Structures are given as structure tokens and as C-alpha cells.
Amino acid sequence: MGEVVRAPAVGTIAFVGTVVNRPVLSIEHPGGLRTTYEPLSSEAEAGQPVAQGDVLGVVASGGVCPTECLHVGVKLNDEYVNPRLYFGASVRVFLLTPN
């Protein structure tokens, strides 16, 4: 919690708000990509342009991990894709499944 999160690439903030009691931020990137981060506390506003490396906010409380973590989603043309395709193999990916 409190770790700074930076934009992975240029884009435009598409959404900043609360979804199911968790703060969420999404960025529209060129080429039909959208990245989403939660829980992320941010002062950014929808429509704001971002450059690679710009501070988006900080990891907030409210995640579903046993310890705090940042959930990252990637969509290509409105279809979810594996975040490792864009963030590299060093990213740990966990898929939550219902009990």
C-alpha cells in the first residue's frame, strides 16, 4: 500500500472512480489497448493525457489479496488479454477462480 504506480505507455485517462468499493483507474492507449489498475488512489481526471512514466497514483487498500497488491487488466479491442503480453514475464499473474 502506498507504492507509486506509473503509466506504462502514452495514453489518455479513460476512467477514474470507484467500482465495487475499490478505486479504479483506466487508460486508453493507441492501437485499441486499455489498461486498468485497482485499487489505485489517484488525483487524475478522465480525459487527462499521460506519458510513459507519469505518476498515476498510489496503491490503495481495498484489494482482494491477502496482502496489498495491484490488479492490472489489459484489453485489446474490448477483449481481455494476458497482461504478460504487454508487461513482460516478470509480472506475476494470478487468476481468481470461484470456490
PDB file of N, CA and C in Angstrom:
ATOM      1  N   MET A   1       0.844  -1.172   0.000  1.00  0.00           N
ATOM      2  CA  MET A   1       0.000   0.000   0.000  1.00  0.00           C
ATOM      3  C   MET A   1       0.887   1.232   0.000  1.00  0.00           C
ATOM      4  N   GLY A   2       0.499   2.228  -0.799  1.00  0.00           N
ATOM      5  CA  GLY A   2       1.255   3.468  -0.865  1.00  0.00           C
ATOM      6  C   GLY A   2       2.320   3.496  -1.939  1.00  0.00           C
ATOM      7  N   GLU A   3       2.557   2.380  -2.633  1.00  0.00           N
ATOM      8  CA  GLU A   3       3.555   2.341  -3.698  1.00  0.00           C
ATOM      9  C   GLU A   3       3.063   3.159  -4.895  1.00  0.00           C
ATOM     10  N   VAL A   4       3.970   3.926  -5.487  1.00  0.00           N
ATOM     11  CA  VAL A   4       3.638   4.744  -6.649  1.00  0.00           C
ATOM     12  C   VAL A   4       3.449   3.848  -7.869  1.00  0.00           C
ATOM     13  N   VAL A   5       2.436   4.165  -8.667  1.00  0.00           N
ATOM     14  CA  VAL A   5       2.161   3.446  -9.909  1.00  0.00           C
ATOM     15  C   VAL A   5       2.313   4.440 -11.054  1.00  0.00           C
ATOM     16  N   ARG A   6       3.071   4.044 -12.064  1.00  0.00           N
ATOM     17  CA  ARG A   6       3.355   4.920 -13.205  1.00  0.00           C
ATOM     18  C   ARG A   6       2.720   4.370 -14.483  1.00  0.00           C
ATOM     19  N   ALA A   7       2.435   5.275 -15.412  1.00  0.00           N
ATOM     20  CA  ALA A   7       1.855   4.887 -16.697  1.00  0.00           C
ATOM     21  C   ALA A   7       2.854   4.048 -17.482  1.00  0.00           C
ATOM     22  N   PRO A   8       2.417   2.910 -18.016  1.00  0.00           N
ATOM     23  CA  PRO A   8       3.329   2.063 -18.772  1.00  0.00           C
ATOM     24  C   PRO A   8       3.614   2.577 -20.177  1.00  0.00           C
ATOM     25  N   ALA A   9       2.747   3.445 -20.687  1.00  0.00           N
ATOM     26  CA  ALA A   9       2.876   3.956 -22.052  1.00  0.00           C
ATOM     27  C   ALA A   9       1.975   5.187 -22.192  1.00  0.00           C
ATOM     28  N   VAL A  10       2.132   5.905 -23.286  1.00  0.00           N
ATOM     29  CA  VAL A  10       1.303   7.080 -23.528  1.00  0.00           C
ATOM     30  C   VAL A  10      -0.154   6.675 -23.666  1.00  0.00           C
ATOM     31  N   GLY A  11      -1.039   7.602 -23.323  1.00  0.00           N
ATOM     32  CA  GLY A  11      -2.460   7.352 -23.443  1.00  0.00           C
ATOM     33  C   GLY A  11      -3.263   8.485 -22.856  1.00  0.00           C
ATOM     34  N   THR A  12      -4.528   8.224 -22.657  1.00  0.00           N
ATOM     35  CA  THR A  12      -5.458   9.189 -22.078  1.00  0.00           C
ATOM     36  C   THR A  12      -6.232   8.502 -20.965  1.00  0.00           C
ATOM     37  N   ILE A  13      -6.337   9.151 -19.817  1.00  0.00           N
ATOM     38  CA  ILE A  13      -7.119   8.595 -18.712  1.00  0.00           C
ATOM     39  C   ILE A  13      -8.563   8.465 -19.193  1.00  0.00           C
ATOM     40  N   ALA A  14      -9.087   7.255 -19.152  1.00  0.00           N
ATOM     41  CA  ALA A  14     -10.452   6.991 -19.615  1.00  0.00           C
ATOM     42  C   ALA A  14     -11.450   6.952 -18.466  1.00  0.00           C
ATOM     43  N   PHE A  15     -10.994   6.516 -17.278  1.00  0.00           N
ATOM     44  CA  PHE A  15     -11.908   6.374 -16.149  1.00  0.00           C
ATOM     45  C   PHE A  15     -11.125   6.495 -14.853  1.00  0.00           C
ATOM     46  N   VAL A  16     -11.687   7.246 -13.918  1.00  0.00           N
ATOM     47  CA  VAL A  16     -11.203   7.308 -12.542  1.00  0.00           C
ATOM     48  C   VAL A  16     -12.445   7.297 -11.668  1.00  0.00           C
ATOM     49  N   GLY A  17     -12.550   6.314 -10.803  1.00  0.00           N
ATOM     50  CA  GLY A  17     -13.731   6.249  -9.952  1.00  0.00           C
ATOM     51  C   GLY A  17     -13.712   5.011  -9.087  1.00  0.00           C
ATOM     52  N   THR A  18     -14.856   4.720  -8.505  1.00  0.00           N
ATOM     53  CA  THR A  18     -14.989   3.590  -7.598  1.00  0.00           C
ATOM     54  C   THR A  18     -15.838   2.509  -8.250  1.00  0.00           C
ATOM     55  N   VAL A  19     -15.336   1.275  -8.198  1.00  0.00           N
ATOM     56  CA  VAL A  19     -16.072   0.123  -8.698  1.00  0.00           C
ATOM     57  C   VAL A  19     -16.054  -0.919  -7.586  1.00  0.00           C
ATOM     58  N   VAL A  20     -17.230  -1.312  -7.129  1.00  0.00           N
ATOM     59  CA  VAL A  20     -17.378  -2.283  -6.053  1.00  0.00           C
ATOM     60  C   VAL A  20     -16.482  -1.905  -4.864  1.00  0.00           C
ATOM     61  N   ASN A  21     -16.611  -0.677  -4.421  1.00  0.00           N
ATOM     62  CA  ASN A  21     -15.891  -0.163  -3.246  1.00  0.00           C
ATOM     63  C   ASN A  21     -14.380  -0.110  -3.402  1.00  0.00           C
ATOM     64  N   ARG A  22     -13.856  -0.189  -4.624  1.00  0.00           N
ATOM     65  CA  ARG A  22     -12.411  -0.098  -4.846  1.00  0.00           C
ATOM     66  C   ARG A  22     -12.119   1.020  -5.841  1.00  0.00           C
ATOM     67  N   PRO A  23     -11.076   1.826  -5.572  1.00  0.00           N
ATOM     68  CA  PRO A  23     -10.713   2.882  -6.514  1.00  0.00           C
ATOM     69  C   PRO A  23     -10.031   2.291  -7.752  1.00  0.00           C
ATOM     70  N   VAL A  24     -10.486   2.736  -8.926  1.00  0.00           N
ATOM     71  CA  VAL A  24     -10.040   2.185 -10.202  1.00  0.00           C
ATOM     72  C   VAL A  24      -9.625   3.317 -11.131  1.00  0.00           C
ATOM     73  N   LEU A  25      -8.597   3.049 -11.952  1.00  0.00           N
ATOM     74  CA  LEU A  25      -8.178   3.991 -12.997  1.00  0.00           C
ATOM     75  C   LEU A  25      -7.925   3.185 -14.263  1.00  0.00           C
ATOM     76  N   SER A  26      -8.395   3.692 -15.410  1.00  0.00           N
ATOM     77  CA  SER A  26      -8.164   3.051 -16.704  1.00  0.00           C
ATOM     78  C   SER A  26      -7.547   4.054 -17.662  1.00  0.00           C
ATOM     79  N   ILE A  27      -6.659   3.545 -18.526  1.00  0.00           N
ATOM     80  CA  ILE A  27      -6.011   4.362 -19.549  1.00  0.00           C
ATOM     81  C   ILE A  27      -6.318   3.769 -20.923  1.00  0.00           C
ATOM     82  N   GLU A  28      -6.727   4.624 -21.858  1.00  0.00           N
ATOM     83  CA  GLU A  28      -6.856   4.230 -23.261  1.00  0.00           C
ATOM     84  C   GLU A  28      -5.517   4.528 -23.923  1.00  0.00           C
ATOM     85  N   HIS A  29      -4.936   3.498 -24.545  1.00  0.00           N
ATOM     86  CA  HIS A  29      -3.665   3.642 -25.249  1.00  0.00           C
ATOM     87  C   HIS A  29      -3.919   3.527 -26.750  1.00  0.00           C
ATOM     88  N   PRO A  30      -3.002   4.042 -27.573  1.00  0.00           N
ATOM     89  CA  PRO A  30      -3.162   3.884 -29.022  1.00  0.00           C
ATOM     90  C   PRO A  30      -3.231   2.403 -29.415  1.00  0.00           C
ATOM     91  N   GLY A  31      -3.881   2.131 -30.524  1.00  0.00           N
ATOM     92  CA  GLY A  31      -3.944   0.769 -31.048  1.00  0.00           C
ATOM     93  C   GLY A  31      -5.013  -0.103 -30.420  1.00  0.00           C
ATOM     94  N   GLY A  32      -5.983   0.492 -29.722  1.00  0.00           N
ATOM     95  CA  GLY A  32      -7.078  -0.281 -29.157  1.00  0.00           C
ATOM     96  C   GLY A  32      -6.785  -0.922 -27.813  1.00  0.00           C
ATOM     97  N   LEU A  33      -5.708  -0.504 -27.146  1.00  0.00           N
ATOM     98  CA  LEU A  33      -5.370  -1.052 -25.830  1.00  0.00           C
ATOM     99  C   LEU A  33      -5.979  -0.217 -24.713  1.00  0.00           C
ATOM    100  N   ARG A  34      -6.395  -0.893 -23.658  1.00  0.00           N
ATOM    101  CA  ARG A  34      -6.846  -0.236 -22.435  1.00  0.00           C
ATOM    102  C   ARG A  34      -6.234  -0.989 -21.268  1.00  0.00           C
ATOM    103  N   THR A  35      -5.596  -0.241 -20.349  1.00  0.00           N
ATOM    104  CA  THR A  35      -5.077  -0.850 -19.130  1.00  0.00           C
ATOM    105  C   THR A  35      -5.866  -0.316 -17.951  1.00  0.00           C
ATOM    106  N   THR A  36      -6.087  -1.184 -16.965  1.00  0.00           N
ATOM    107  CA  THR A  36      -6.869  -0.823 -15.787  1.00  0.00           C
ATOM    108  C   THR A  36      -6.116  -1.249 -14.545  1.00  0.00           C
ATOM    109  N   TYR A  37      -6.171  -0.389 -13.516  1.00  0.00           N
ATOM    110  CA  TYR A  37      -5.429  -0.592 -12.278  1.00  0.00           C
ATOM    111  C   TYR A  37      -6.369  -0.421 -11.096  1.00  0.00           C
ATOM    112  N   GLU A  38      -6.327  -1.390 -10.148  1.00  0.00           N
ATOM    113  CA  GLU A  38      -7.125  -1.272  -8.924  1.00  0.00           C
ATOM    114  C   GLU A  38      -6.563  -2.162  -7.835  1.00  0.00           C
ATOM    115  N   PRO A  39      -6.620  -1.729  -6.603  1.00  0.00           N
ATOM    116  CA  PRO A  39      -7.092  -0.447  -6.098  1.00  0.00           C
ATOM    117  C   PRO A  39      -6.002   0.623  -6.243  1.00  0.00           C
ATOM    118  N   LEU A  40      -6.352   1.732  -6.862  1.00  0.00           N
ATOM    119  CA  LEU A  40      -5.402   2.806  -7.120  1.00  0.00           C
ATOM    120  C   LEU A  40      -6.013   4.137  -6.720  1.00  0.00           C
ATOM    121  N   SER A  41      -5.427   4.782  -5.735  1.00  0.00           N
ATOM    122  CA  SER A  41      -5.846   6.111  -5.325  1.00  0.00           C
ATOM    123  C   SER A  41      -5.171   7.120  -6.240  1.00  0.00           C
ATOM    124  N   SER A  42      -5.961   7.996  -6.877  1.00  0.00           N
ATOM    125  CA  SER A  42      -5.405   8.904  -7.876  1.00  0.00           C
ATOM    126  C   SER A  42      -6.117  10.247  -7.869  1.00  0.00           C
ATOM    127  N   GLU A  43      -5.365  11.275  -8.201  1.00  0.00           N
ATOM    128  CA  GLU A  43      -5.914  12.616  -8.376  1.00  0.00           C
ATOM    129  C   GLU A  43      -6.134  12.919  -9.857  1.00  0.00           C
ATOM    130  N   ALA A  44      -5.848  11.961 -10.737  1.00  0.00           N
ATOM    131  CA  ALA A  44      -6.009  12.150 -12.177  1.00  0.00           C
ATOM    132  C   ALA A  44      -7.485  12.332 -12.521  1.00  0.00           C
ATOM    133  N   GLU A  45      -7.713  12.867 -13.704  1.00  0.00           N
ATOM    134  CA  GLU A  45      -9.086  13.081 -14.175  1.00  0.00           C
ATOM    135  C   GLU A  45      -9.261  12.468 -15.552  1.00  0.00           C
ATOM    136  N   ALA A  46     -10.458  11.970 -15.834  1.00  0.00           N
ATOM    137  CA  ALA A  46     -10.766  11.425 -17.155  1.00  0.00           C
ATOM    138  C   ALA A  46     -10.493  12.489 -18.211  1.00  0.00           C
ATOM    139  N   GLY A  47      -9.894  12.065 -19.312  1.00  0.00           N
ATOM    140  CA  GLY A  47      -9.556  12.966 -20.399  1.00  0.00           C
ATOM    141  C   GLY A  47      -8.135  13.512 -20.319  1.00  0.00           C
ATOM    142  N   GLN A  48      -7.477  13.298 -19.197  1.00  0.00           N
ATOM    143  CA  GLN A  48      -6.115  13.799 -18.991  1.00  0.00           C
ATOM    144  C   GLN A  48      -5.127  12.935 -19.772  1.00  0.00           C
ATOM    145  N   PRO A  49      -4.251  13.552 -20.584  1.00  0.00           N
ATOM    146  CA  PRO A  49      -3.231  12.760 -21.270  1.00  0.00           C
ATOM    147  C   PRO A  49      -2.135  12.336 -20.301  1.00  0.00           C
ATOM    148  N   VAL A  50      -1.527  11.175 -20.559  1.00  0.00           N
ATOM    149  CA  VAL A  50      -0.401  10.713 -19.751  1.00  0.00           C
ATOM    150  C   VAL A  50       0.722  10.266 -20.682  1.00  0.00           C
ATOM    151  N   ALA A  51       1.949  10.460 -20.222  1.00  0.00           N
ATOM    152  CA  ALA A  51       3.133   9.989 -20.926  1.00  0.00           C
ATOM    153  C   ALA A  51       3.676   8.784 -20.186  1.00  0.00           C
ATOM    154  N   GLN A  52       4.462   7.977 -20.860  1.00  0.00           N
ATOM    155  CA  GLN A  52       5.089   6.837 -20.200  1.00  0.00           C
ATOM    156  C   GLN A  52       5.889   7.340 -19.005  1.00  0.00           C
ATOM    157  N   GLY A  53       5.660   6.717 -17.849  1.00  0.00           N
ATOM    158  CA  GLY A  53       6.373   7.080 -16.632  1.00  0.00           C
ATOM    159  C   GLY A  53       5.677   8.102 -15.756  1.00  0.00           C
ATOM    160  N   ASP A  54       4.614   8.735 -16.252  1.00  0.00           N
ATOM    161  CA  ASP A  54       3.862   9.681 -15.414  1.00  0.00           C
ATOM    162  C   ASP A  54       3.255   8.949 -14.219  1.00  0.00           C
ATOM    163  N   VAL A  55       3.240   9.617 -13.078  1.00  0.00           N
ATOM    164  CA  VAL A  55       2.621   9.040 -11.888  1.00  0.00           C
ATOM    165  C   VAL A  55       1.109   9.023 -12.067  1.00  0.00           C
ATOM    166  N   LEU A  56       0.520   7.836 -11.884  1.00  0.00           N
ATOM    167  CA  LEU A  56      -0.939   7.685 -11.964  1.00  0.00           C
ATOM    168  C   LEU A  56      -1.578   7.823 -10.595  1.00  0.00           C
ATOM    169  N   GLY A  57      -0.897   7.360  -9.562  1.00  0.00           N
ATOM    170  CA  GLY A  57      -1.432   7.370  -8.205  1.00  0.00           C
ATOM    171  C   GLY A  57      -0.641   6.408  -7.350  1.00  0.00           C
ATOM    172  N   VAL A  58      -1.264   5.961  -6.261  1.00  0.00           N
ATOM    173  CA  VAL A  58      -0.617   5.012  -5.349  1.00  0.00           C
ATOM    174  C   VAL A  58      -1.560   3.845  -5.070  1.00  0.00           C
ATOM    175  N   VAL A  59      -0.953   2.696  -4.788  1.00  0.00           N
ATOM    176  CA  VAL A  59      -1.739   1.515  -4.445  1.00  0.00           C
ATOM    177  C   VAL A  59      -2.503   1.801  -3.156  1.00  0.00           C
ATOM    178  N   ALA A  60      -3.792   1.585  -3.201  1.00  0.00           N
ATOM    179  CA  ALA A  60      -4.681   1.866  -2.065  1.00  0.00           C
ATOM    180  C   ALA A  60      -5.098   0.561  -1.402  1.00  0.00           C
ATOM    181  N   SER A  61      -5.752   0.682  -0.272  1.00  0.00           N
ATOM    182  CA  SER A  61      -6.326  -0.513   0.351  1.00  0.00           C
ATOM    183  C   SER A  61      -7.619  -0.845  -0.379  1.00  0.00           C
ATOM    184  N   GLY A  62      -8.067  -2.055  -0.214  1.00  0.00           N
ATOM    185  CA  GLY A  62      -9.331  -2.438  -0.827  1.00  0.00           C
ATOM    186  C   GLY A  62      -9.218  -3.553  -1.832  1.00  0.00           C
ATOM    187  N   GLY A  63      -8.043  -4.127  -2.006  1.00  0.00           N
ATOM    188  CA  GLY A  63      -7.894  -5.242  -2.930  1.00  0.00           C
ATOM    189  C   GLY A  63      -8.398  -6.531  -2.308  1.00  0.00           C
ATOM    190  N   VAL A  64      -8.342  -7.594  -3.070  1.00  0.00           N
ATOM    191  CA  VAL A  64      -8.810  -8.888  -2.574  1.00  0.00           C
ATOM    192  C   VAL A  64      -7.658  -9.835  -2.257  1.00  0.00           C
ATOM    193  N   CYS A  65      -6.421  -9.345  -2.308  1.00  0.00           N
ATOM    194  CA  CYS A  65      -5.249 -10.163  -1.960  1.00  0.00           C
ATOM    195  C   CYS A  65      -5.134 -10.269  -0.451  1.00  0.00           C
ATOM    196  N   PRO A  66      -4.518 -11.351   0.045  1.00  0.00           N
ATOM    197  CA  PRO A  66      -4.275 -11.462   1.486  1.00  0.00           C
ATOM    198  C   PRO A  66      -3.392 -10.316   1.986  1.00  0.00           C
ATOM    199  N   THR A  67      -2.452  -9.871   1.147  1.00  0.00           N
ATOM    200  CA  THR A  67      -1.668  -8.673   1.422  1.00  0.00           C
ATOM    201  C   THR A  67      -1.989  -7.706   0.291  1.00  0.00           C
ATOM    202  N   GLU A  68      -1.655  -6.456   0.463  1.00  0.00           N
ATOM    203  CA  GLU A  68      -1.997  -5.472  -0.572  1.00  0.00           C
ATOM    204  C   GLU A  68      -1.282  -5.793  -1.879  1.00  0.00           C
ATOM    205  N   CYS A  69      -1.972  -5.587  -2.975  1.00  0.00           N
ATOM    206  CA  CYS A  69      -1.406  -5.790  -4.304  1.00  0.00           C
ATOM    207  C   CYS A  69      -2.157  -4.901  -5.287  1.00  0.00           C
ATOM    208  N   LEU A  70      -1.643  -4.824  -6.483  1.00  0.00           N
ATOM    209  CA  LEU A  70      -2.267  -4.038  -7.538  1.00  0.00           C
ATOM    210  C   LEU A  70      -2.770  -4.993  -8.610  1.00  0.00           C
ATOM    211  N   HIS A  71      -4.036  -4.877  -8.937  1.00  0.00           N
ATOM    212  CA  HIS A  71      -4.633  -5.675 -10.002  1.00  0.00           C
ATOM    213  C   HIS A  71      -4.508  -4.885 -11.301  1.00  0.00           C
ATOM    214  N   VAL A  72      -3.998  -5.538 -12.344  1.00  0.00           N
ATOM    215  CA  VAL A  72      -3.817  -4.891 -13.634  1.00  0.00           C
ATOM    216  C   VAL A  72      -4.572  -5.704 -14.674  1.00  0.00           C
ATOM    217  N   GLY A  73      -5.413  -5.020 -15.431  1.00  0.00           N
ATOM    218  CA  GLY A  73      -6.129  -5.663 -16.528  1.00  0.00           C
ATOM    219  C   GLY A  73      -5.722  -5.025 -17.840  1.00  0.00           C
ATOM    220  N   VAL A  74      -5.677  -5.824 -18.897  1.00  0.00           N
ATOM    221  CA  VAL A  74      -5.358  -5.314 -20.228  1.00  0.00           C
ATOM    222  C   VAL A  74      -6.418  -5.813 -21.194  1.00  0.00           C
ATOM    223  N   LYS A  75      -6.961  -4.886 -21.953  1.00  0.00           N
ATOM    224  CA  LYS A  75      -7.909  -5.236 -23.014  1.00  0.00           C
ATOM    225  C   LYS A  75      -7.348  -4.771 -24.349  1.00  0.00           C
ATOM    226  N   LEU A  76      -7.551  -5.585 -25.366  1.00  0.00           N
ATOM    227  CA  LEU A  76      -7.230  -5.216 -26.732  1.00  0.00           C
ATOM    228  C   LEU A  76      -8.528  -5.294 -27.512  1.00  0.00           C
ATOM    229  N   ASN A  77      -8.962  -4.150 -28.026  1.00  0.00           N
ATOM    230  CA  ASN A  77     -10.239  -4.082 -28.755  1.00  0.00           C
ATOM    231  C   ASN A  77     -11.377  -4.696 -27.950  1.00  0.00           C
ATOM    232  N   ASP A  78     -11.469  -4.306 -26.674  1.00  0.00           N
ATOM    233  CA  ASP A  78     -12.535  -4.716 -25.754  1.00  0.00           C
ATOM    234  C   ASP A  78     -12.518  -6.188 -25.358  1.00  0.00           C
ATOM    235  N   GLU A  79     -11.432  -6.905 -25.622  1.00  0.00           N
ATOM    236  CA  GLU A  79     -11.281  -8.292 -25.197  1.00  0.00           C
ATOM    237  C   GLU A  79     -10.105  -8.377 -24.231  1.00  0.00           C
ATOM    238  N   TYR A  80     -10.318  -9.009 -23.058  1.00  0.00           N
ATOM    239  CA  TYR A  80      -9.218  -9.179 -22.111  1.00  0.00           C
ATOM    240  C   TYR A  80      -8.128 -10.045 -22.724  1.00  0.00           C
ATOM    241  N   VAL A  81      -6.885  -9.642 -22.488  1.00  0.00           N
ATOM    242  CA  VAL A  81      -5.727 -10.407 -22.939  1.00  0.00           C
ATOM    243  C   VAL A  81      -4.778 -10.595 -21.757  1.00  0.00           C
ATOM    244  N   ASN A  82      -3.841 -11.497 -21.879  1.00  0.00           N
ATOM    245  CA  ASN A  82      -2.873 -11.767 -20.839  1.00  0.00           C
ATOM    246  C   ASN A  82      -1.980 -10.537 -20.636  1.00  0.00           C
ATOM    247  N   PRO A  83      -1.943  -9.958 -19.428  1.00  0.00           N
ATOM    248  CA  PRO A  83      -1.107  -8.779 -19.184  1.00  0.00           C
ATOM    249  C   PRO A  83       0.376  -9.022 -19.463  1.00  0.00           C
ATOM    250  N   ARG A  84       0.820 -10.269 -19.375  1.00  0.00           N
ATOM    251  CA  ARG A  84       2.231 -10.571 -19.637  1.00  0.00           C
ATOM    252  C   ARG A  84       2.640 -10.234 -21.066  1.00  0.00           C
ATOM    253  N   LEU A  85       1.680 -10.230 -21.991  1.00  0.00           N
ATOM    254  CA  LEU A  85       1.995  -9.874 -23.366  1.00  0.00           C
ATOM    255  C   LEU A  85       2.503  -8.436 -23.458  1.00  0.00           C
ATOM    256  N   TYR A  86       2.135  -7.608 -22.490  1.00  0.00           N
ATOM    257  CA  TYR A  86       2.482  -6.186 -22.527  1.00  0.00           C
ATOM    258  C   TYR A  86       3.405  -5.760 -21.397  1.00  0.00           C
ATOM    259  N   PHE A  87       3.369  -6.459 -20.276  1.00  0.00           N
ATOM    260  CA  PHE A  87       4.180  -6.079 -19.117  1.00  0.00           C
ATOM    261  C   PHE A  87       5.377  -6.993 -18.904  1.00  0.00           C
ATOM    262  N   GLY A  88       5.493  -8.065 -19.671  1.00  0.00           N
ATOM    263  CA  GLY A  88       6.640  -8.947 -19.568  1.00  0.00           C
ATOM    264  C   GLY A  88       6.415 -10.108 -18.618  1.00  0.00           C
ATOM    265  N   ALA A  89       7.304 -11.084 -18.707  1.00  0.00           N
ATOM    266  CA  ALA A  89       7.186 -12.307 -17.925  1.00  0.00           C
ATOM    267  C   ALA A  89       7.453 -12.095 -16.443  1.00  0.00           C
ATOM    268  N   SER A  90       8.078 -10.974 -16.087  1.00  0.00           N
ATOM    269  CA  SER A  90       8.386 -10.744 -14.672  1.00  0.00           C
ATOM    270  C   SER A  90       7.147 -10.394 -13.856  1.00  0.00           C
ATOM    271  N   VAL A  91       6.047 -10.070 -14.524  1.00  0.00           N
ATOM    272  CA  VAL A  91       4.801  -9.743 -13.829  1.00  0.00           C
ATOM    273  C   VAL A  91       4.163 -11.033 -13.343  1.00  0.00           C
ATOM    274  N   ARG A  92       3.803 -11.064 -12.068  1.00  0.00           N
ATOM    275  CA  ARG A  92       3.115 -12.232 -11.527  1.00  0.00           C
ATOM    276  C   ARG A  92       1.633 -12.105 -11.839  1.00  0.00           C
ATOM    277  N   VAL A  93       1.070 -13.109 -12.452  1.00  0.00           N
ATOM    278  CA  VAL A  93      -0.337 -13.098 -12.841  1.00  0.00           C
ATOM    279  C   VAL A  93      -1.065 -14.179 -12.052  1.00  0.00           C
ATOM    280  N   PHE A  94      -2.115 -13.790 -11.382  1.00  0.00           N
ATOM    281  CA  PHE A  94      -2.973 -14.723 -10.644  1.00  0.00           C
ATOM    282  C   PHE A  94      -4.366 -14.616 -11.209  1.00  0.00           C
ATOM    283  N   LEU A  95      -4.956 -15.728 -11.528  1.00  0.00           N
ATOM    284  CA  LEU A  95      -6.331 -15.746 -11.992  1.00  0.00           C
ATOM    285  C   LEU A  95      -7.187 -16.262 -10.850  1.00  0.00           C
ATOM    286  N   LEU A  96      -8.149 -15.440 -10.435  1.00  0.00           N
ATOM    287  CA  LEU A  96      -9.029 -15.842  -9.348  1.00  0.00           C
ATOM    288  C   LEU A  96     -10.143 -16.713  -9.895  1.00  0.00           C
ATOM    289  N   THR A  97     -10.398 -17.813  -9.231  1.00  0.00           N
ATOM    290  CA  THR A  97     -11.463 -18.710  -9.654  1.00  0.00           C
ATOM    291  C   THR A  97     -12.442 -18.857  -8.499  1.00  0.00           C
ATOM    292  N   PRO A  98     -13.727 -19.035  -8.808  1.00  0.00           N
ATOM    293  CA  PRO A  98     -14.707 -19.210  -7.739  1.00  0.00           C
ATOM    294  C   PRO A  98     -14.456 -20.519  -7.002  1.00  0.00           C
ATOM    295  N   ASN A  99     -14.810 -20.534  -5.731  1.00  0.00           N
ATOM    296  CA  ASN A  99     -14.646 -21.764  -4.926  1.00  0.00           C
ATOM    297  C   ASN A  99     -15.661 -22.801  -5.313  1.00  0.00           C
TER     298      ASN A  99
END
